[in-house]
Amino acid sequence: MQASVLPVYIFLVCIVSMAIGLLAVPRLLNPNKSERVKQMPYESGMDPIHDTRRPFTVRFYLLAVAFLVFDVEVLFLYPWAVASRPAAVGMEAGAAATAARGIDAAVAGGLVESRHTVFAGAMVFLALVAMGFLYDWRKGFFQWR
């Protein structure tokens, strides 16, 4: 066997033995008592006393949609924050030194006029998100009655 392949085989043996161990040990240690309580459906720690198909109020769905909208809007800020970092300082000479990253690449490529344009766009986006939040707040959208 070649010495370069031996670590791979050892790794595979470790993985298989760990998988078998993780499946076998709980079966050996698990008590196999079947009780009435274990057979009951479990919902949030409460005994199920109502029909599971009872309707939710519309406010629940509206709040869920509002959460998703604001959550996704905030996720749009992450790529902007990563791209707005300045180019790496102290890069090696050659092609790596001329490679710009993020917004600097867009400015160098002529896609935007300056970093200030991108910042202004992000601030307009944040202002629109804040206005939507304030509108929902003023309408009493976040009050659960």
C-alpha atoms as a PDB file:
ATOM      1  CA  MET A   1       0.000   0.000   0.000  1.00  0.00           C
ATOM      2  CA  GLN A   2       1.316   3.419  -0.852  1.00  0.00           C
ATOM      3  CA  ALA A   3       2.112   5.742   2.021  1.00  0.00           C
ATOM      4  CA  SER A   4       0.152   8.604   0.447  1.00  0.00           C
ATOM      5  CA  VAL A   5      -3.126   6.594   0.419  1.00  0.00           C
ATOM      6  CA  LEU A   6      -2.814   5.176   3.930  1.00  0.00           C
ATOM      7  CA  PRO A   7      -4.222   8.305   5.715  1.00  0.00           C
ATOM      8  CA  VAL A   8      -7.295   8.178   3.489  1.00  0.00           C
ATOM      9  CA  TYR A   9      -7.984   4.552   4.436  1.00  0.00           C
ATOM     10  CA  ILE A  10      -7.460   5.300   8.119  1.00  0.00           C
ATOM     11  CA  PHE A  11      -9.862   8.227   7.812  1.00  0.00           C
ATOM     12  CA  LEU A  12     -12.487   6.026   6.115  1.00  0.00           C
ATOM     13  CA  VAL A  13     -12.149   3.362   8.834  1.00  0.00           C
ATOM     14  CA  CYS A  14     -12.607   6.056  11.502  1.00  0.00           C
ATOM     15  CA  ILE A  15     -15.701   7.427   9.744  1.00  0.00           C
ATOM     16  CA  VAL A  16     -17.332   4.008   9.337  1.00  0.00           C
ATOM     17  CA  SER A  17     -16.572   2.985  12.923  1.00  0.00           C
ATOM     18  CA  MET A  18     -17.942   6.309  14.235  1.00  0.00           C
ATOM     19  CA  ALA A  19     -21.133   5.947  12.170  1.00  0.00           C
ATOM     20  CA  ILE A  20     -21.676   2.395  13.405  1.00  0.00           C
ATOM     21  CA  GLY A  21     -20.945   3.466  16.979  1.00  0.00           C
ATOM     22  CA  LEU A  22     -23.348   6.417  16.807  1.00  0.00           C
ATOM     23  CA  LEU A  23     -26.099   4.089  15.587  1.00  0.00           C
ATOM     24  CA  ALA A  24     -25.364   1.122  17.866  1.00  0.00           C
ATOM     25  CA  VAL A  25     -24.714   2.753  21.255  1.00  0.00           C
ATOM     26  CA  PRO A  26     -28.130   4.469  21.563  1.00  0.00           C
ATOM     27  CA  ARG A  27     -29.889   1.196  20.681  1.00  0.00           C
ATOM     28  CA  LEU A  28     -27.979  -0.592  23.434  1.00  0.00           C
ATOM     29  CA  LEU A  29     -28.590   2.096  26.066  1.00  0.00           C
ATOM     30  CA  ASN A  30     -32.174   2.993  25.137  1.00  0.00           C
ATOM     31  CA  PRO A  31     -34.897   1.567  27.377  1.00  0.00           C
ATOM     32  CA  ASN A  32     -37.456  -0.182  25.191  1.00  0.00           C
ATOM     33  CA  LYS A  33     -40.518   0.580  27.276  1.00  0.00           C
ATOM     34  CA  SER A  34     -43.553   1.546  25.256  1.00  0.00           C
ATOM     35  CA  GLU A  35     -45.857   3.643  27.420  1.00  0.00           C
ATOM     36  CA  ARG A  36     -49.078   5.489  26.701  1.00  0.00           C
ATOM     37  CA  VAL A  37     -47.384   8.863  27.131  1.00  0.00           C
ATOM     38  CA  LYS A  38     -44.727   7.976  24.546  1.00  0.00           C
ATOM     39  CA  GLN A  39     -47.420   7.123  22.014  1.00  0.00           C
ATOM     40  CA  MET A  40     -49.189  10.507  22.334  1.00  0.00           C
ATOM     41  CA  PRO A  41     -48.599  13.185  19.713  1.00  0.00           C
ATOM     42  CA  TYR A  42     -46.551  16.032  21.165  1.00  0.00           C
ATOM     43  CA  GLU A  43     -47.303  19.667  20.378  1.00  0.00           C
ATOM     44  CA  SER A  44     -45.325  22.347  22.177  1.00  0.00           C
ATOM     45  CA  GLY A  45     -45.464  20.528  25.481  1.00  0.00           C
ATOM     46  CA  MET A  46     -49.258  20.677  25.673  1.00  0.00           C
ATOM     47  CA  ASP A  47     -51.719  17.817  25.521  1.00  0.00           C
ATOM     48  CA  PRO A  48     -53.478  17.779  22.147  1.00  0.00           C
ATOM     49  CA  ILE A  49     -57.099  18.598  22.990  1.00  0.00           C
ATOM     50  CA  HIS A  50     -58.251  20.353  19.824  1.00  0.00           C
ATOM     51  CA  ASP A  51     -58.414  19.328  16.228  1.00  0.00           C
ATOM     52  CA  THR A  52     -55.043  19.804  14.533  1.00  0.00           C
ATOM     53  CA  ARG A  53     -56.718  21.369  11.527  1.00  0.00           C
ATOM     54  CA  ARG A  54     -58.256  24.373  13.261  1.00  0.00           C
ATOM     55  CA  PRO A  55     -57.693  27.625  11.344  1.00  0.00           C
ATOM     56  CA  PHE A  56     -55.184  30.272  12.341  1.00  0.00           C
ATOM     57  CA  THR A  57     -56.066  33.930  12.299  1.00  0.00           C
ATOM     58  CA  VAL A  58     -55.020  35.992   9.321  1.00  0.00           C
ATOM     59  CA  ARG A  59     -52.823  38.151  11.594  1.00  0.00           C
ATOM     60  CA  PHE A  60     -50.558  35.164  12.164  1.00  0.00           C
ATOM     61  CA  TYR A  61     -49.898  34.837   8.435  1.00  0.00           C
ATOM     62  CA  LEU A  62     -49.460  38.595   8.008  1.00  0.00           C
ATOM     63  CA  LEU A  63     -46.897  38.711  10.798  1.00  0.00           C
ATOM     64  CA  ALA A  64     -45.050  35.746   9.272  1.00  0.00           C
ATOM     65  CA  VAL A  65     -44.937  37.456   5.875  1.00  0.00           C
ATOM     66  CA  ALA A  66     -43.732  40.729   7.448  1.00  0.00           C
ATOM     67  CA  PHE A  67     -40.977  38.834   9.253  1.00  0.00           C
ATOM     68  CA  LEU A  68     -39.867  37.197   6.005  1.00  0.00           C
ATOM     69  CA  VAL A  69     -39.913  40.499   4.123  1.00  0.00           C
ATOM     70  CA  PHE A  70     -37.796  42.336   6.690  1.00  0.00           C
ATOM     71  CA  ASP A  71     -35.508  39.333   7.132  1.00  0.00           C
ATOM     72  CA  VAL A  72     -34.813  39.051   3.408  1.00  0.00           C
ATOM     73  CA  GLU A  73     -34.313  42.793   3.108  1.00  0.00           C
ATOM     74  CA  VAL A  74     -31.693  42.722   5.844  1.00  0.00           C
ATOM     75  CA  LEU A  75     -29.983  39.819   4.069  1.00  0.00           C
ATOM     76  CA  PHE A  76     -29.461  42.110   1.084  1.00  0.00           C
ATOM     77  CA  LEU A  77     -27.222  44.282   3.268  1.00  0.00           C
ATOM     78  CA  TYR A  78     -24.687  41.518   3.921  1.00  0.00           C
ATOM     79  CA  PRO A  79     -23.288  41.319   0.355  1.00  0.00           C
ATOM     80  CA  TRP A  80     -23.131  45.110   0.247  1.00  0.00           C
ATOM     81  CA  ALA A  81     -21.160  45.199   3.505  1.00  0.00           C
ATOM     82  CA  VAL A  82     -18.737  42.544   2.286  1.00  0.00           C
ATOM     83  CA  ALA A  83     -18.275  44.186  -1.098  1.00  0.00           C
ATOM     84  CA  SER A  84     -17.760  47.632   0.397  1.00  0.00           C
ATOM     85  CA  ARG A  85     -14.500  46.638   2.079  1.00  0.00           C
ATOM     86  CA  PRO A  86     -11.542  48.460   0.605  1.00  0.00           C
ATOM     87  CA  ALA A  87      -9.142  46.518  -1.581  1.00  0.00           C
ATOM     88  CA  ALA A  88      -6.605  44.392   0.253  1.00  0.00           C
ATOM     89  CA  VAL A  89      -3.543  46.334   1.361  1.00  0.00           C
ATOM     90  CA  GLY A  90      -0.046  44.922   1.019  1.00  0.00           C
ATOM     91  CA  MET A  91      -0.752  42.451  -1.772  1.00  0.00           C
ATOM     92  CA  GLU A  92       2.112  40.911  -3.688  1.00  0.00           C
ATOM     93  CA  ALA A  93       3.461  42.544  -6.829  1.00  0.00           C
ATOM     94  CA  GLY A  94       2.183  41.481 -10.209  1.00  0.00           C
ATOM     95  CA  ALA A  95      -1.333  40.611 -11.266  1.00  0.00           C
ATOM     96  CA  ALA A  96      -2.548  40.233  -7.673  1.00  0.00           C
ATOM     97  CA  ALA A  97      -1.626  43.854  -6.926  1.00  0.00           C
ATOM     98  CA  THR A  98      -3.820  45.148  -9.736  1.00  0.00           C
ATOM     99  CA  ALA A  99      -6.789  42.946  -8.821  1.00  0.00           C
ATOM    100  CA  ALA A 100      -9.427  45.058  -7.127  1.00  0.00           C
ATOM    101  CA  ARG A 101     -12.108  43.558  -4.914  1.00  0.00           C
ATOM    102  CA  GLY A 102     -15.748  44.346  -4.332  1.00  0.00           C
ATOM    103  CA  ILE A 103     -16.913  47.873  -5.020  1.00  0.00           C
ATOM    104  CA  ASP A 104     -13.401  48.905  -6.036  1.00  0.00           C
ATOM    105  CA  ALA A 105     -13.688  46.420  -8.903  1.00  0.00           C
ATOM    106  CA  ALA A 106     -17.018  47.949  -9.967  1.00  0.00           C
ATOM    107  CA  VAL A 107     -15.505  51.443  -9.858  1.00  0.00           C
ATOM    108  CA  ALA A 108     -12.434  50.287 -11.807  1.00  0.00           C
ATOM    109  CA  GLY A 109     -14.638  48.503 -14.356  1.00  0.00           C
ATOM    110  CA  GLY A 110     -16.784  51.591 -14.881  1.00  0.00           C
ATOM    111  CA  LEU A 111     -19.968  49.988 -13.501  1.00  0.00           C
ATOM    112  CA  VAL A 112     -20.450  52.743 -10.921  1.00  0.00           C
ATOM    113  CA  GLU A 113     -19.060  56.241 -10.689  1.00  0.00           C
ATOM    114  CA  SER A 114     -17.725  56.075  -7.138  1.00  0.00           C
ATOM    115  CA  ARG A 115     -18.004  54.340  -3.798  1.00  0.00           C
ATOM    116  CA  HIS A 116     -20.311  57.156  -2.697  1.00  0.00           C
ATOM    117  CA  THR A 117     -22.904  56.112  -5.292  1.00  0.00           C
ATOM    118  CA  VAL A 118     -23.039  52.602  -3.850  1.00  0.00           C
ATOM    119  CA  PHE A 119     -23.230  53.949  -0.291  1.00  0.00           C
ATOM    120  CA  ALA A 120     -26.077  56.294  -1.251  1.00  0.00           C
ATOM    121  CA  GLY A 121     -27.954  53.367  -2.821  1.00  0.00           C
ATOM    122  CA  ALA A 122     -27.551  51.315   0.344  1.00  0.00           C
ATOM    123  CA  MET A 123     -28.772  54.211   2.476  1.00  0.00           C
ATOM    124  CA  VAL A 124     -31.853  54.662   0.248  1.00  0.00           C
ATOM    125  CA  PHE A 125     -32.530  50.934   0.641  1.00  0.00           C
ATOM    126  CA  LEU A 126     -32.216  51.216   4.442  1.00  0.00           C
ATOM    127  CA  ALA A 127     -34.504  54.250   4.461  1.00  0.00           C
ATOM    128  CA  LEU A 128     -37.171  52.328   2.516  1.00  0.00           C
ATOM    129  CA  VAL A 129     -36.929  49.388   4.911  1.00  0.00           C
ATOM    130  CA  ALA A 130     -37.218  51.754   7.884  1.00  0.00           C
ATOM    131  CA  MET A 131     -40.230  53.494   6.329  1.00  0.00           C
ATOM    132  CA  GLY A 132     -41.946  50.130   5.811  1.00  0.00           C
ATOM    133  CA  PHE A 133     -41.233  49.172   9.396  1.00  0.00           C
ATOM    134  CA  LEU A 134     -42.575  52.477  10.728  1.00  0.00           C
ATOM    135  CA  TYR A 135     -45.699  52.144   8.570  1.00  0.00           C
ATOM    136  CA  ASP A 136     -46.395  48.670   9.959  1.00  0.00           C
ATOM    137  CA  TRP A 137     -45.731  49.894  13.490  1.00  0.00           C
ATOM    138  CA  ARG A 138     -48.082  52.890  13.156  1.00  0.00           C
ATOM    139  CA  LYS A 139     -50.846  50.656  11.798  1.00  0.00           C
ATOM    140  CA  GLY A 140     -50.540  48.460  14.894  1.00  0.00           C
ATOM    141  CA  PHE A 141     -49.354  45.526  12.859  1.00  0.00           C
ATOM    142  CA  PHE A 142     -47.005  44.178  15.520  1.00  0.00           C
ATOM    143  CA  GLN A 143     -49.591  44.253  18.329  1.00  0.00           C
ATOM    144  CA  TRP A 144     -50.968  40.800  18.935  1.00  0.00           C
ATOM    145  CA  ARG A 145     -54.514  41.079  20.292  1.00  0.00           C
END
